[in-house]
Structure formats: C-alpha cells, structure tokens
Amino acid sequence: SGITPDERFCGCLLNVMTQTPKEELDKLIGCIERSNPKLGVVVKLLVAEETGNGLFKQEANELFSLIGTDVQKAYCNCLIDLCVNLNLLERACELLDLGLTLDIYRGIQSKSPTQWSLHLKSLSLGAALTALHVWINDLSKALENGEELPSVLGINTGHGKHKYSDKGLASVLESHLKDLSAPFHEAPDKVGWFLTTDVAAKSWLKSRSSAELVTA
C-alpha cells in the first residue's frame, strides 16, 4: 500500500508548485488530488481562476478547518505565493483575509499614536507583497476618510538585506517599493525596517489616487 501522504508531504508538494512554471502545474495538481482531495479542489479552483461566486473562499475555509494548526501557515503562505505567481492579486487578498480571520496570521498591522506599522516577519514573499498591497489600500482609505496619519509609517521585514541573496524579503520589498515609487527608506538604526513620514506618505498616496483616476 506504500506510505500514506501526510500534511507535511502535501505542504512540500505545494511548495514545489510555487516554483513550477504554469504549464507544468497540472502534473503536480494530480499528485495533490491523490494525496489530499480537499487541497486538490482548492488548488484546482485557484489555478482555474474561477471568480465571483465565493466558492474558492468557502473551499479554502473548509481546507483550513481540516488540517493541523501546525501546517496552516505554511499552506496559506504557499497558496498566496501561487496566486502572486499567477498574477491573481484579488485571490491572494481573499486568502490573506481568510488567514487573518482564522488567526493563521496575527498582528500584521499595528497602530500606535505615533506610528502605524506593517509586520511581514512570518510571511512568505507572496504573502508579504499581498499584505503590503492591502496596507497601502487601507492607508489610502484612511486618508479619504479624513483620518490623520501618524508622524511615522513603518514596514518591518524582520531582518536586514542578505549580502548573498537578492531573494531575501528585505531586498525584494525594497525593489518593489522602488517600483511603486513609495517613499519608504531603509532605517539605518533599525535592522529590517523601512520608514517614511506622514508628509511623504500623504503626497505619495494622493499622487497614486489621482493617477488611478486618470487610468480608470
């Protein structure tokens, strides 16, 4: 009968999927379906880009209720990475939202009177970029609603840029922030932090929203 695939094995398959070209995903989906049918359903819906009917979120929710809490974050990280690889940002946001609702992720955003922060430490690359996207939207909404931003806005990647890797979270985040023309800069005295002021953030968010109006 061979070995029974366990949750960690399925987690490894998911991890391989995040590094596999789109055209080769079908072979892996077959393996996942045989190993864990519920995970197979979720991955198939994700890759099929089915949208609008809430089925994906419902199936993902059921999946997380069936698997052990020790593997939930690894599964959620991988599924979000897969969404990001396939340019399915909306779907990635749905998964991040589900992860927050189910307490798989905690404390991603924090607010004090002087600083609002985004904490990306325990997230995969895709999940971190998704959380950044959501946070920027939240900041824009706060401004639109007339809220005052605190004097400092910060993003914590947990550790500094690795000398030998341009794939580390801090390095990837830095180049992503550059692409967005976001005014965050690496803090010289706080390892892994990228900071900006309320003034710089406000003018950047305003220019973003006016650019979106032009393209809409």
N, C-alpha and C. Protein backbone atom coordinates (compact mmCIF):
# COMPACT_ATOMS: atom_id res chain seq x y z
N SER A 1 0.82 -1.21 0.00
CA SER A 1 0.00 0.00 0.00
C SER A 1 0.86 1.27 0.00
N GLY A 2 2.15 1.14 0.30
CA GLY A 2 3.04 2.30 0.29
C GLY A 2 2.77 3.22 1.47
N ILE A 3 3.40 4.37 1.45
CA ILE A 3 3.23 5.28 2.59
C ILE A 3 1.98 6.14 2.39
N THR A 4 1.38 6.53 3.49
CA THR A 4 0.22 7.43 3.42
C THR A 4 0.76 8.86 3.42
N PRO A 5 0.37 9.64 2.41
CA PRO A 5 0.89 11.01 2.39
C PRO A 5 0.34 11.80 3.57
N ASP A 6 1.20 12.49 4.29
CA ASP A 6 0.72 13.28 5.42
C ASP A 6 0.69 14.76 5.04
N GLU A 7 0.29 15.58 6.01
CA GLU A 7 0.11 17.01 5.72
C GLU A 7 1.41 17.69 5.33
N ARG A 8 2.52 17.23 5.95
CA ARG A 8 3.80 17.87 5.63
C ARG A 8 4.23 17.55 4.19
N PHE A 9 3.96 16.32 3.78
CA PHE A 9 4.27 15.92 2.41
C PHE A 9 3.49 16.79 1.42
N CYS A 10 2.19 16.97 1.71
CA CYS A 10 1.36 17.83 0.83
C CYS A 10 1.88 19.27 0.85
N GLY A 11 2.38 19.70 2.01
CA GLY A 11 2.98 21.03 2.12
C GLY A 11 4.20 21.16 1.22
N CYS A 12 4.98 20.08 1.15
CA CYS A 12 6.16 20.07 0.26
C CYS A 12 5.73 20.17 -1.20
N LEU A 13 4.68 19.43 -1.56
CA LEU A 13 4.16 19.49 -2.94
C LEU A 13 3.71 20.92 -3.27
N LEU A 14 3.01 21.53 -2.31
CA LEU A 14 2.54 22.91 -2.51
C LEU A 14 3.73 23.84 -2.73
N ASN A 15 4.77 23.63 -1.94
CA ASN A 15 5.96 24.46 -2.04
C ASN A 15 6.61 24.31 -3.42
N VAL A 16 6.63 23.08 -3.92
CA VAL A 16 7.18 22.83 -5.26
C VAL A 16 6.34 23.56 -6.32
N MET A 17 5.01 23.57 -6.10
CA MET A 17 4.12 24.26 -7.05
C MET A 17 4.45 25.74 -7.19
N THR A 18 4.87 26.35 -6.07
CA THR A 18 5.17 27.79 -6.12
C THR A 18 6.41 28.08 -6.95
N GLN A 19 7.18 27.01 -7.28
CA GLN A 19 8.40 27.20 -8.07
C GLN A 19 8.30 26.54 -9.44
N THR A 20 7.08 26.20 -9.83
CA THR A 20 6.87 25.46 -11.08
C THR A 20 6.21 26.35 -12.13
N PRO A 21 6.67 26.29 -13.39
CA PRO A 21 6.03 27.08 -14.45
C PRO A 21 4.56 26.68 -14.60
N LYS A 22 3.73 27.65 -14.96
CA LYS A 22 2.28 27.45 -15.03
C LYS A 22 1.88 26.23 -15.87
N GLU A 23 2.58 26.07 -17.01
CA GLU A 23 2.19 24.98 -17.92
C GLU A 23 2.47 23.59 -17.36
N GLU A 24 3.28 23.52 -16.32
CA GLU A 24 3.59 22.21 -15.74
C GLU A 24 2.83 21.92 -14.44
N LEU A 25 1.94 22.83 -14.06
CA LEU A 25 1.25 22.68 -12.77
C LEU A 25 0.31 21.48 -12.73
N ASP A 26 -0.25 21.12 -13.89
CA ASP A 26 -1.24 20.04 -13.92
C ASP A 26 -0.71 18.73 -13.34
N LYS A 27 0.56 18.43 -13.66
CA LYS A 27 1.14 17.17 -13.15
C LYS A 27 1.13 17.17 -11.62
N LEU A 28 1.49 18.29 -11.03
CA LEU A 28 1.54 18.37 -9.57
C LEU A 28 0.15 18.37 -8.96
N ILE A 29 -0.80 19.01 -9.65
CA ILE A 29 -2.18 19.03 -9.14
C ILE A 29 -2.70 17.60 -9.03
N GLY A 30 -2.34 16.76 -10.00
CA GLY A 30 -2.73 15.35 -9.95
C GLY A 30 -2.22 14.67 -8.69
N CYS A 31 -0.94 14.92 -8.37
CA CYS A 31 -0.35 14.34 -7.14
C CYS A 31 -1.07 14.84 -5.90
N ILE A 32 -1.35 16.14 -5.89
CA ILE A 32 -2.01 16.73 -4.71
C ILE A 32 -3.42 16.16 -4.54
N GLU A 33 -4.14 16.01 -5.66
CA GLU A 33 -5.51 15.46 -5.58
C GLU A 33 -5.50 14.05 -4.98
N ARG A 34 -4.50 13.26 -5.35
CA ARG A 34 -4.43 11.90 -4.80
C ARG A 34 -4.03 11.92 -3.33
N SER A 35 -3.20 12.90 -2.95
CA SER A 35 -2.70 12.96 -1.57
C SER A 35 -3.71 13.57 -0.60
N ASN A 36 -4.38 14.63 -1.04
CA ASN A 36 -5.35 15.33 -0.20
C ASN A 36 -6.42 15.94 -1.10
N PRO A 37 -7.53 15.20 -1.28
CA PRO A 37 -8.56 15.64 -2.23
C PRO A 37 -9.06 17.08 -1.98
N LYS A 38 -9.22 17.47 -0.73
CA LYS A 38 -9.72 18.82 -0.44
C LYS A 38 -8.72 19.88 -0.89
N LEU A 39 -7.45 19.64 -0.63
CA LEU A 39 -6.41 20.57 -1.09
C LEU A 39 -6.40 20.61 -2.62
N GLY A 40 -6.62 19.45 -3.23
CA GLY A 40 -6.70 19.37 -4.69
C GLY A 40 -7.79 20.27 -5.25
N VAL A 41 -8.96 20.27 -4.59
CA VAL A 41 -10.08 21.11 -5.03
C VAL A 41 -9.69 22.59 -4.96
N VAL A 42 -9.08 22.97 -3.83
CA VAL A 42 -8.69 24.38 -3.63
C VAL A 42 -7.68 24.82 -4.69
N VAL A 43 -6.66 23.98 -4.92
CA VAL A 43 -5.62 24.35 -5.89
C VAL A 43 -6.20 24.42 -7.31
N LYS A 44 -7.10 23.48 -7.63
CA LYS A 44 -7.73 23.50 -8.97
C LYS A 44 -8.54 24.76 -9.19
N LEU A 45 -9.32 25.15 -8.17
CA LEU A 45 -10.12 26.37 -8.27
C LEU A 45 -9.20 27.59 -8.41
N LEU A 46 -8.10 27.58 -7.67
CA LEU A 46 -7.16 28.70 -7.71
C LEU A 46 -6.58 28.86 -9.11
N VAL A 47 -6.10 27.75 -9.65
CA VAL A 47 -5.43 27.80 -10.96
C VAL A 47 -6.43 28.08 -12.08
N ALA A 48 -7.67 27.61 -11.90
CA ALA A 48 -8.70 27.81 -12.93
C ALA A 48 -9.18 29.26 -12.96
N GLU A 49 -8.76 30.03 -11.97
CA GLU A 49 -9.12 31.45 -11.89
C GLU A 49 -10.63 31.66 -11.81
N GLU A 50 -11.34 30.67 -11.23
CA GLU A 50 -12.78 30.81 -11.03
C GLU A 50 -12.99 31.97 -10.07
N THR A 51 -13.88 32.89 -10.42
CA THR A 51 -14.08 34.03 -9.50
C THR A 51 -15.55 34.34 -9.33
N GLY A 52 -15.79 35.15 -8.32
CA GLY A 52 -17.11 35.77 -8.23
C GLY A 52 -18.15 35.04 -7.40
N ASN A 53 -18.05 33.72 -7.31
CA ASN A 53 -19.16 33.04 -6.63
C ASN A 53 -18.84 32.64 -5.18
N GLY A 54 -17.67 33.03 -4.70
CA GLY A 54 -17.34 32.75 -3.30
C GLY A 54 -16.97 31.31 -3.01
N LEU A 55 -16.98 30.47 -4.07
CA LEU A 55 -16.71 29.04 -3.87
C LEU A 55 -15.27 28.81 -3.40
N PHE A 56 -14.34 29.55 -4.00
CA PHE A 56 -12.92 29.36 -3.65
C PHE A 56 -12.69 29.61 -2.16
N LYS A 57 -13.21 30.73 -1.66
CA LYS A 57 -13.00 31.08 -0.26
C LYS A 57 -13.64 30.04 0.66
N GLN A 58 -14.81 29.58 0.26
CA GLN A 58 -15.53 28.57 1.06
C GLN A 58 -14.72 27.26 1.13
N GLU A 59 -14.20 26.82 -0.01
CA GLU A 59 -13.42 25.58 -0.05
C GLU A 59 -12.11 25.74 0.74
N ALA A 60 -11.47 26.92 0.61
CA ALA A 60 -10.23 27.16 1.34
C ALA A 60 -10.50 27.16 2.85
N ASN A 61 -11.62 27.75 3.24
CA ASN A 61 -12.01 27.78 4.65
C ASN A 61 -12.18 26.35 5.19
N GLU A 62 -12.85 25.51 4.40
CA GLU A 62 -13.05 24.11 4.80
C GLU A 62 -11.71 23.38 4.90
N LEU A 63 -10.82 23.65 3.95
CA LEU A 63 -9.49 23.03 3.97
C LEU A 63 -8.77 23.35 5.28
N PHE A 64 -8.77 24.62 5.67
CA PHE A 64 -8.05 25.02 6.89
C PHE A 64 -8.67 24.42 8.15
N SER A 65 -9.97 24.13 8.09
CA SER A 65 -10.59 23.51 9.27
C SER A 65 -10.23 22.02 9.37
N LEU A 66 -9.74 21.46 8.25
CA LEU A 66 -9.41 20.02 8.24
C LEU A 66 -7.94 19.72 8.53
N ILE A 67 -7.09 20.72 8.35
CA ILE A 67 -5.65 20.45 8.52
C ILE A 67 -5.16 20.92 9.90
N GLY A 68 -4.03 20.39 10.33
CA GLY A 68 -3.47 20.73 11.64
C GLY A 68 -3.02 22.18 11.70
N THR A 69 -3.15 22.77 12.88
CA THR A 69 -2.76 24.18 13.02
C THR A 69 -1.27 24.38 12.75
N ASP A 70 -0.48 23.32 12.95
CA ASP A 70 0.97 23.46 12.72
C ASP A 70 1.35 23.64 11.25
N VAL A 71 0.44 23.27 10.33
CA VAL A 71 0.78 23.44 8.91
C VAL A 71 -0.06 24.52 8.22
N GLN A 72 -1.00 25.10 8.96
CA GLN A 72 -1.91 26.08 8.33
C GLN A 72 -1.16 27.25 7.69
N LYS A 73 -0.19 27.80 8.43
CA LYS A 73 0.51 28.98 7.90
C LYS A 73 1.33 28.62 6.65
N ALA A 74 1.97 27.45 6.69
CA ALA A 74 2.77 27.02 5.54
C ALA A 74 1.88 26.85 4.30
N TYR A 75 0.69 26.24 4.50
CA TYR A 75 -0.25 26.06 3.38
C TYR A 75 -0.72 27.42 2.85
N CYS A 76 -1.11 28.28 3.79
CA CYS A 76 -1.65 29.58 3.38
C CYS A 76 -0.59 30.41 2.65
N ASN A 77 0.63 30.42 3.19
CA ASN A 77 1.74 31.12 2.53
C ASN A 77 1.94 30.61 1.10
N CYS A 78 1.96 29.28 0.94
CA CYS A 78 2.19 28.69 -0.39
C CYS A 78 1.06 29.02 -1.36
N LEU A 79 -0.18 28.92 -0.88
CA LEU A 79 -1.32 29.22 -1.75
C LEU A 79 -1.30 30.68 -2.20
N ILE A 80 -0.92 31.58 -1.28
CA ILE A 80 -0.83 33.00 -1.66
C ILE A 80 0.32 33.21 -2.65
N ASP A 81 1.46 32.56 -2.41
CA ASP A 81 2.59 32.66 -3.35
C ASP A 81 2.17 32.21 -4.75
N LEU A 82 1.39 31.15 -4.78
CA LEU A 82 0.91 30.62 -6.06
C LEU A 82 0.03 31.66 -6.76
N CYS A 83 -0.86 32.30 -6.01
CA CYS A 83 -1.71 33.37 -6.57
C CYS A 83 -0.85 34.49 -7.14
N VAL A 84 0.16 34.90 -6.36
CA VAL A 84 1.00 36.02 -6.79
C VAL A 84 1.77 35.64 -8.07
N ASN A 85 2.27 34.40 -8.12
CA ASN A 85 2.98 33.93 -9.32
C ASN A 85 2.08 33.95 -10.55
N LEU A 86 0.78 33.69 -10.34
CA LEU A 86 -0.17 33.63 -11.46
C LEU A 86 -0.87 34.97 -11.68
N ASN A 87 -0.38 36.02 -11.00
CA ASN A 87 -0.98 37.36 -11.10
C ASN A 87 -2.44 37.43 -10.68
N LEU A 88 -2.80 36.64 -9.69
CA LEU A 88 -4.18 36.64 -9.18
C LEU A 88 -4.21 37.39 -7.85
N LEU A 89 -4.04 38.72 -7.93
CA LEU A 89 -3.88 39.50 -6.71
C LEU A 89 -5.15 39.49 -5.85
N GLU A 90 -6.31 39.57 -6.53
CA GLU A 90 -7.57 39.57 -5.77
C GLU A 90 -7.74 38.29 -4.95
N ARG A 91 -7.37 37.19 -5.60
CA ARG A 91 -7.45 35.88 -4.94
C ARG A 91 -6.46 35.80 -3.77
N ALA A 92 -5.27 36.37 -3.97
CA ALA A 92 -4.27 36.41 -2.89
C ALA A 92 -4.81 37.20 -1.70
N CYS A 93 -5.50 38.32 -2.00
CA CYS A 93 -6.10 39.14 -0.93
C CYS A 93 -7.18 38.36 -0.18
N GLU A 94 -7.96 37.57 -0.92
CA GLU A 94 -9.00 36.74 -0.28
C GLU A 94 -8.38 35.77 0.71
N LEU A 95 -7.28 35.15 0.29
CA LEU A 95 -6.60 34.17 1.16
C LEU A 95 -5.98 34.84 2.38
N LEU A 96 -5.38 36.02 2.16
CA LEU A 96 -4.79 36.73 3.30
C LEU A 96 -5.88 37.11 4.30
N ASP A 97 -7.01 37.56 3.77
CA ASP A 97 -8.14 37.94 4.62
C ASP A 97 -8.64 36.74 5.42
N LEU A 98 -8.72 35.59 4.74
CA LEU A 98 -9.15 34.35 5.41
C LEU A 98 -8.14 33.97 6.49
N GLY A 99 -6.85 34.09 6.16
CA GLY A 99 -5.79 33.78 7.13
C GLY A 99 -5.87 34.65 8.37
N LEU A 100 -6.24 35.92 8.18
CA LEU A 100 -6.39 36.83 9.33
C LEU A 100 -7.63 36.47 10.14
N THR A 101 -8.72 36.17 9.44
CA THR A 101 -9.98 35.81 10.12
C THR A 101 -9.80 34.56 10.97
N LEU A 102 -9.04 33.60 10.44
CA LEU A 102 -8.86 32.32 11.15
C LEU A 102 -7.68 32.35 12.12
N ASP A 103 -7.07 33.54 12.29
CA ASP A 103 -5.93 33.67 13.21
C ASP A 103 -4.70 32.89 12.78
N ILE A 104 -4.63 32.55 11.48
CA ILE A 104 -3.42 31.90 10.96
C ILE A 104 -2.29 32.94 10.95
N TYR A 105 -2.67 34.17 10.61
CA TYR A 105 -1.74 35.30 10.68
C TYR A 105 -2.23 36.23 11.79
N ARG A 106 -1.29 36.72 12.58
CA ARG A 106 -1.67 37.67 13.64
C ARG A 106 -0.76 38.87 13.63
N GLY A 107 -1.34 40.00 13.98
CA GLY A 107 -0.52 41.21 14.19
C GLY A 107 0.23 41.69 12.97
N ILE A 108 -0.36 41.54 11.78
CA ILE A 108 0.32 42.03 10.57
C ILE A 108 0.35 43.56 10.57
N GLN A 109 -0.76 44.17 11.00
CA GLN A 109 -0.81 45.63 11.09
C GLN A 109 -0.87 46.05 12.55
N SER A 110 -0.17 47.12 12.90
CA SER A 110 -0.31 47.67 14.26
C SER A 110 -0.37 49.19 14.18
N LYS A 111 -1.04 49.78 15.16
CA LYS A 111 -1.19 51.24 15.20
C LYS A 111 -0.89 51.75 16.59
N SER A 112 -0.02 52.75 16.68
CA SER A 112 0.14 53.49 17.94
C SER A 112 -0.08 54.95 17.57
N PRO A 113 -0.21 55.84 18.56
CA PRO A 113 -0.46 57.26 18.22
C PRO A 113 0.63 57.87 17.33
N THR A 114 1.86 57.35 17.46
CA THR A 114 2.96 57.97 16.69
C THR A 114 3.40 57.17 15.47
N GLN A 115 2.99 55.89 15.38
CA GLN A 115 3.48 55.07 14.26
C GLN A 115 2.48 53.99 13.88
N TRP A 116 2.21 53.86 12.57
CA TRP A 116 1.46 52.72 12.05
C TRP A 116 2.46 51.81 11.35
N SER A 117 2.35 50.51 11.62
CA SER A 117 3.36 49.60 11.09
C SER A 117 2.74 48.39 10.40
N LEU A 118 3.52 47.86 9.48
CA LEU A 118 3.17 46.61 8.79
C LEU A 118 4.27 45.61 9.14
N HIS A 119 3.87 44.46 9.69
CA HIS A 119 4.85 43.46 10.14
C HIS A 119 4.81 42.25 9.21
N LEU A 120 5.90 42.02 8.50
CA LEU A 120 5.91 40.99 7.45
C LEU A 120 6.76 39.77 7.82
N LYS A 121 7.23 39.76 9.08
CA LYS A 121 8.22 38.76 9.50
C LYS A 121 7.88 37.31 9.18
N SER A 122 6.66 36.87 9.49
CA SER A 122 6.38 35.43 9.37
C SER A 122 5.70 35.09 8.03
N LEU A 123 5.76 36.02 7.09
CA LEU A 123 5.07 35.81 5.82
C LEU A 123 6.04 35.37 4.72
N SER A 124 5.51 34.61 3.77
CA SER A 124 6.30 34.29 2.58
C SER A 124 6.36 35.55 1.71
N LEU A 125 7.16 35.47 0.66
CA LEU A 125 7.32 36.62 -0.23
C LEU A 125 5.98 37.08 -0.81
N GLY A 126 5.23 36.13 -1.35
CA GLY A 126 3.94 36.48 -1.96
C GLY A 126 2.96 37.05 -0.93
N ALA A 127 2.93 36.44 0.25
CA ALA A 127 2.02 36.91 1.30
C ALA A 127 2.43 38.30 1.77
N ALA A 128 3.75 38.55 1.84
CA ALA A 128 4.25 39.87 2.26
C ALA A 128 3.85 40.95 1.25
N LEU A 129 4.00 40.64 -0.05
CA LEU A 129 3.63 41.62 -1.08
C LEU A 129 2.12 41.87 -1.09
N THR A 130 1.36 40.81 -0.80
CA THR A 130 -0.10 40.94 -0.73
C THR A 130 -0.49 41.80 0.47
N ALA A 131 0.15 41.54 1.61
CA ALA A 131 -0.13 42.32 2.82
C ALA A 131 0.23 43.80 2.61
N LEU A 132 1.32 44.04 1.87
CA LEU A 132 1.72 45.42 1.57
C LEU A 132 0.64 46.10 0.72
N HIS A 133 0.15 45.40 -0.28
CA HIS A 133 -0.89 45.92 -1.17
C HIS A 133 -2.14 46.30 -0.36
N VAL A 134 -2.55 45.41 0.54
CA VAL A 134 -3.73 45.66 1.37
C VAL A 134 -3.50 46.87 2.28
N TRP A 135 -2.31 46.93 2.88
CA TRP A 135 -1.98 48.03 3.81
C TRP A 135 -2.00 49.38 3.09
N ILE A 136 -1.42 49.42 1.89
CA ILE A 136 -1.41 50.68 1.12
C ILE A 136 -2.85 51.11 0.81
N ASN A 137 -3.70 50.15 0.46
CA ASN A 137 -5.11 50.47 0.22
C ASN A 137 -5.78 50.98 1.49
N ASP A 138 -5.44 50.35 2.63
CA ASP A 138 -6.00 50.78 3.92
C ASP A 138 -5.56 52.22 4.25
N LEU A 139 -4.30 52.53 3.96
CA LEU A 139 -3.79 53.89 4.21
C LEU A 139 -4.53 54.90 3.33
N SER A 140 -4.76 54.51 2.07
CA SER A 140 -5.49 55.40 1.15
C SER A 140 -6.90 55.66 1.66
N LYS A 141 -7.54 54.58 2.13
CA LYS A 141 -8.91 54.72 2.66
C LYS A 141 -8.93 55.62 3.89
N ALA A 142 -7.93 55.46 4.77
CA ALA A 142 -7.84 56.29 5.98
C ALA A 142 -7.76 57.77 5.60
N LEU A 143 -6.93 58.06 4.59
CA LEU A 143 -6.80 59.45 4.12
C LEU A 143 -8.10 59.97 3.55
N GLU A 144 -8.75 59.13 2.71
CA GLU A 144 -10.03 59.53 2.10
C GLU A 144 -11.08 59.82 3.16
N ASN A 145 -11.02 59.06 4.27
CA ASN A 145 -11.99 59.25 5.35
C ASN A 145 -11.61 60.39 6.30
N GLY A 146 -10.55 61.11 5.92
CA GLY A 146 -10.16 62.27 6.72
C GLY A 146 -9.39 61.95 7.99
N GLU A 147 -8.88 60.71 8.09
CA GLU A 147 -8.07 60.36 9.27
C GLU A 147 -6.70 61.01 9.18
N GLU A 148 -6.14 61.35 10.34
CA GLU A 148 -4.78 61.89 10.37
C GLU A 148 -3.79 60.72 10.41
N LEU A 149 -2.80 60.75 9.55
CA LEU A 149 -1.75 59.73 9.62
C LEU A 149 -0.80 60.08 10.77
N PRO A 150 -0.20 59.06 11.41
CA PRO A 150 0.78 59.35 12.46
C PRO A 150 2.07 59.87 11.83
N SER A 151 2.99 60.38 12.66
CA SER A 151 4.19 61.01 12.09
C SER A 151 5.11 60.02 11.37
N VAL A 152 5.03 58.72 11.78
CA VAL A 152 5.90 57.73 11.14
C VAL A 152 5.07 56.53 10.66
N LEU A 153 5.40 56.04 9.46
CA LEU A 153 4.83 54.80 8.93
C LEU A 153 5.99 53.85 8.69
N GLY A 154 5.86 52.61 9.15
CA GLY A 154 6.99 51.70 9.04
C GLY A 154 6.61 50.31 8.56
N ILE A 155 7.52 49.68 7.85
CA ILE A 155 7.35 48.30 7.40
C ILE A 155 8.50 47.49 7.99
N ASN A 156 8.17 46.43 8.71
CA ASN A 156 9.20 45.61 9.36
C ASN A 156 9.31 44.26 8.64
N THR A 157 10.48 44.00 8.04
CA THR A 157 10.68 42.72 7.34
C THR A 157 11.31 41.69 8.26
N GLY A 158 11.68 42.11 9.46
CA GLY A 158 12.23 41.14 10.42
C GLY A 158 13.74 41.01 10.40
N HIS A 159 14.34 41.19 9.23
CA HIS A 159 15.81 41.14 9.19
C HIS A 159 16.32 41.95 8.01
N GLY A 160 17.59 42.23 8.05
CA GLY A 160 18.17 43.10 7.02
C GLY A 160 18.34 42.39 5.69
N LYS A 161 18.87 43.12 4.74
CA LYS A 161 19.12 42.54 3.42
C LYS A 161 20.30 41.58 3.53
N HIS A 162 20.18 40.43 2.91
CA HIS A 162 21.28 39.47 2.98
C HIS A 162 22.30 39.81 1.91
N LYS A 163 23.53 39.79 2.33
CA LYS A 163 24.61 40.15 1.40
C LYS A 163 24.58 39.25 0.16
N TYR A 164 24.28 37.95 0.38
CA TYR A 164 24.45 36.98 -0.71
C TYR A 164 23.16 36.71 -1.47
N SER A 165 22.06 37.32 -1.03
CA SER A 165 20.80 36.96 -1.66
C SER A 165 20.01 38.18 -2.05
N ASP A 166 19.59 38.24 -3.31
CA ASP A 166 18.68 39.32 -3.69
C ASP A 166 17.24 38.80 -3.62
N LYS A 167 17.10 37.59 -3.06
CA LYS A 167 15.77 36.98 -2.95
C LYS A 167 15.19 37.12 -1.54
N GLY A 168 15.99 37.67 -0.61
CA GLY A 168 15.51 37.85 0.75
C GLY A 168 14.37 38.86 0.79
N LEU A 169 13.52 38.76 1.81
CA LEU A 169 12.33 39.61 1.89
C LEU A 169 12.68 41.10 1.84
N ALA A 170 13.70 41.51 2.62
CA ALA A 170 14.05 42.94 2.66
C ALA A 170 14.47 43.45 1.27
N SER A 171 15.25 42.63 0.56
CA SER A 171 15.73 43.06 -0.78
C SER A 171 14.58 43.12 -1.78
N VAL A 172 13.72 42.11 -1.76
CA VAL A 172 12.59 42.08 -2.71
C VAL A 172 11.64 43.24 -2.40
N LEU A 173 11.39 43.45 -1.10
CA LEU A 173 10.49 44.52 -0.70
C LEU A 173 11.05 45.88 -1.15
N GLU A 174 12.35 46.06 -0.94
CA GLU A 174 12.96 47.34 -1.31
C GLU A 174 12.78 47.62 -2.80
N SER A 175 13.01 46.60 -3.64
CA SER A 175 12.87 46.87 -5.08
C SER A 175 11.40 47.04 -5.47
N HIS A 176 10.50 46.36 -4.74
CA HIS A 176 9.06 46.53 -5.01
C HIS A 176 8.61 47.95 -4.63
N LEU A 177 9.10 48.45 -3.50
CA LEU A 177 8.76 49.81 -3.08
C LEU A 177 9.29 50.83 -4.09
N LYS A 178 10.47 50.54 -4.65
CA LYS A 178 11.03 51.43 -5.69
C LYS A 178 10.13 51.45 -6.92
N ASP A 179 9.65 50.23 -7.31
CA ASP A 179 8.75 50.14 -8.47
C ASP A 179 7.48 50.96 -8.25
N LEU A 180 7.02 50.99 -7.00
CA LEU A 180 5.79 51.74 -6.67
C LEU A 180 6.07 53.23 -6.45
N SER A 181 7.35 53.62 -6.53
CA SER A 181 7.80 54.98 -6.17
C SER A 181 7.40 55.34 -4.75
N ALA A 182 7.29 54.35 -3.88
CA ALA A 182 6.89 54.58 -2.49
C ALA A 182 8.05 55.19 -1.71
N PRO A 183 7.76 56.19 -0.86
CA PRO A 183 8.85 56.94 -0.21
C PRO A 183 9.44 56.27 1.04
N PHE A 184 9.41 54.95 1.10
CA PHE A 184 9.98 54.25 2.27
C PHE A 184 11.48 54.02 2.07
N HIS A 185 12.23 54.24 3.14
CA HIS A 185 13.68 54.03 3.05
C HIS A 185 14.16 53.19 4.21
N GLU A 186 15.18 52.40 3.94
CA GLU A 186 15.73 51.52 4.96
C GLU A 186 16.22 52.35 6.15
N ALA A 187 15.81 51.96 7.35
CA ALA A 187 16.23 52.71 8.54
C ALA A 187 17.66 52.33 8.90
N PRO A 188 18.55 53.32 9.04
CA PRO A 188 19.95 52.99 9.31
C PRO A 188 20.15 52.34 10.69
N ASP A 189 19.26 52.68 11.64
CA ASP A 189 19.48 52.22 13.02
C ASP A 189 18.54 51.10 13.46
N LYS A 190 17.62 50.69 12.56
CA LYS A 190 16.69 49.61 12.92
C LYS A 190 16.72 48.56 11.82
N VAL A 191 17.34 47.44 12.10
CA VAL A 191 17.54 46.41 11.07
C VAL A 191 16.20 45.86 10.58
N GLY A 192 16.05 45.82 9.26
CA GLY A 192 14.85 45.23 8.68
C GLY A 192 13.65 46.17 8.58
N TRP A 193 13.81 47.41 9.04
CA TRP A 193 12.70 48.38 8.97
C TRP A 193 12.87 49.33 7.79
N PHE A 194 11.72 49.65 7.15
CA PHE A 194 11.66 50.68 6.12
C PHE A 194 10.67 51.73 6.62
N LEU A 195 11.11 52.98 6.65
CA LEU A 195 10.29 54.02 7.28
C LEU A 195 10.01 55.18 6.33
N THR A 196 8.90 55.88 6.61
CA THR A 196 8.62 57.13 5.92
C THR A 196 7.86 58.05 6.86
N THR A 197 7.73 59.32 6.46
CA THR A 197 6.99 60.29 7.29
C THR A 197 5.57 60.44 6.77
N ASP A 198 4.71 61.01 7.61
CA ASP A 198 3.32 61.22 7.20
C ASP A 198 3.24 62.15 5.99
N VAL A 199 4.12 63.17 5.95
CA VAL A 199 4.08 64.15 4.86
C VAL A 199 4.40 63.46 3.53
N ALA A 200 5.50 62.67 3.53
CA ALA A 200 5.91 61.97 2.30
C ALA A 200 4.84 60.95 1.88
N ALA A 201 4.30 60.23 2.87
CA ALA A 201 3.30 59.20 2.57
C ALA A 201 2.04 59.83 1.98
N LYS A 202 1.62 60.96 2.57
CA LYS A 202 0.40 61.62 2.12
C LYS A 202 0.51 62.05 0.67
N SER A 203 1.62 62.72 0.33
CA SER A 203 1.73 63.21 -1.04
C SER A 203 1.83 62.05 -2.02
N TRP A 204 2.49 60.96 -1.60
CA TRP A 204 2.59 59.77 -2.48
C TRP A 204 1.22 59.12 -2.67
N LEU A 205 0.47 58.94 -1.59
CA LEU A 205 -0.86 58.31 -1.68
C LEU A 205 -1.80 59.16 -2.54
N LYS A 206 -1.68 60.48 -2.39
CA LYS A 206 -2.55 61.37 -3.19
C LYS A 206 -2.20 61.27 -4.67
N SER A 207 -0.90 61.21 -4.97
CA SER A 207 -0.50 61.13 -6.39
C SER A 207 -0.92 59.78 -6.98
N ARG A 208 -0.91 58.74 -6.13
CA ARG A 208 -1.38 57.42 -6.58
C ARG A 208 -2.85 57.44 -6.93
N SER A 209 -3.65 58.04 -6.04
CA SER A 209 -5.10 58.01 -6.28
C SER A 209 -5.47 58.87 -7.48
N SER A 210 -4.73 59.99 -7.69
CA SER A 210 -5.05 60.79 -8.88
C SER A 210 -4.60 60.07 -10.15
N ALA A 211 -3.50 59.31 -10.06
CA ALA A 211 -3.05 58.52 -11.23
C ALA A 211 -4.08 57.44 -11.56
N GLU A 212 -4.67 56.84 -10.50
CA GLU A 212 -5.68 55.80 -10.72
C GLU A 212 -6.92 56.39 -11.39
N LEU A 213 -7.28 57.61 -11.01
CA LEU A 213 -8.44 58.27 -11.63
C LEU A 213 -8.19 58.50 -13.11
N VAL A 214 -6.95 58.84 -13.44
CA VAL A 214 -6.60 59.09 -14.86
C VAL A 214 -6.71 57.79 -15.66
N THR A 215 -6.24 56.67 -15.06
CA THR A 215 -6.23 55.42 -15.82
C THR A 215 -7.59 54.72 -15.80
N ALA A 216 -8.45 55.06 -14.83
CA ALA A 216 -9.74 54.35 -14.68
C ALA A 216 -10.65 54.60 -15.87
